[in-house]
Amino acid sequence: MTGNIERELARYDAEYEELDTESSWRALPDGEYRGEVVESCVEDGKYGIQYVIGLQVTEGEHEGDRITKWIGLDSEIGRGIAKRDTHTLGIGSEKLSDLPRLAVLAVGSRVRFRVQRKNTGQKTYTNIYLDEKLSGPTIEATAIDDSGGHW
């Protein structure tokens, strides 16, 4: 297994050698942003089944910066957040089991969102709130076939 990972990572060796040790990555500060949904999917990862929403800032000083929201679907709180966010994005459904095939429809949506950090003393949490969908597709405007594709 390690050999496969090493071979896969070797593809990036030349680029890696050129990278500055000062990372170009920076955390998106607390505040309100306008952005675009660049990723929307459901994954089964090391923290369980999660709804993943990737956002890219489209205006202002942080234009081009990205942030990702992971929503754990194995808790009632997480399911409530997912229901609120999917309705905000216009892809809400009455069944959570529809989310894996509907999630992709949010990609390309323009949104207004907030980033707010909360420090508990032991850990800092980054909360991302989707406040408003500004434009983009909705499930009402897109028919979905049973195979998960849309037509």
Foldseek 3Di string as FASTA:
>chain_A
DVVVVVVVCVVCVVVVVPDDPPDPDDDDDWDKAKWFFADWAWDQDPLGIWTKTKTAGCDDPRHGHIDMDIQHPPDPVSVVLVQVVCVQLQAHDPDPVCRRLSRVQSGGWIFMKTWDWDDPPVDIDIDIGGDHTPDGDHCVVWAADPVSDTD
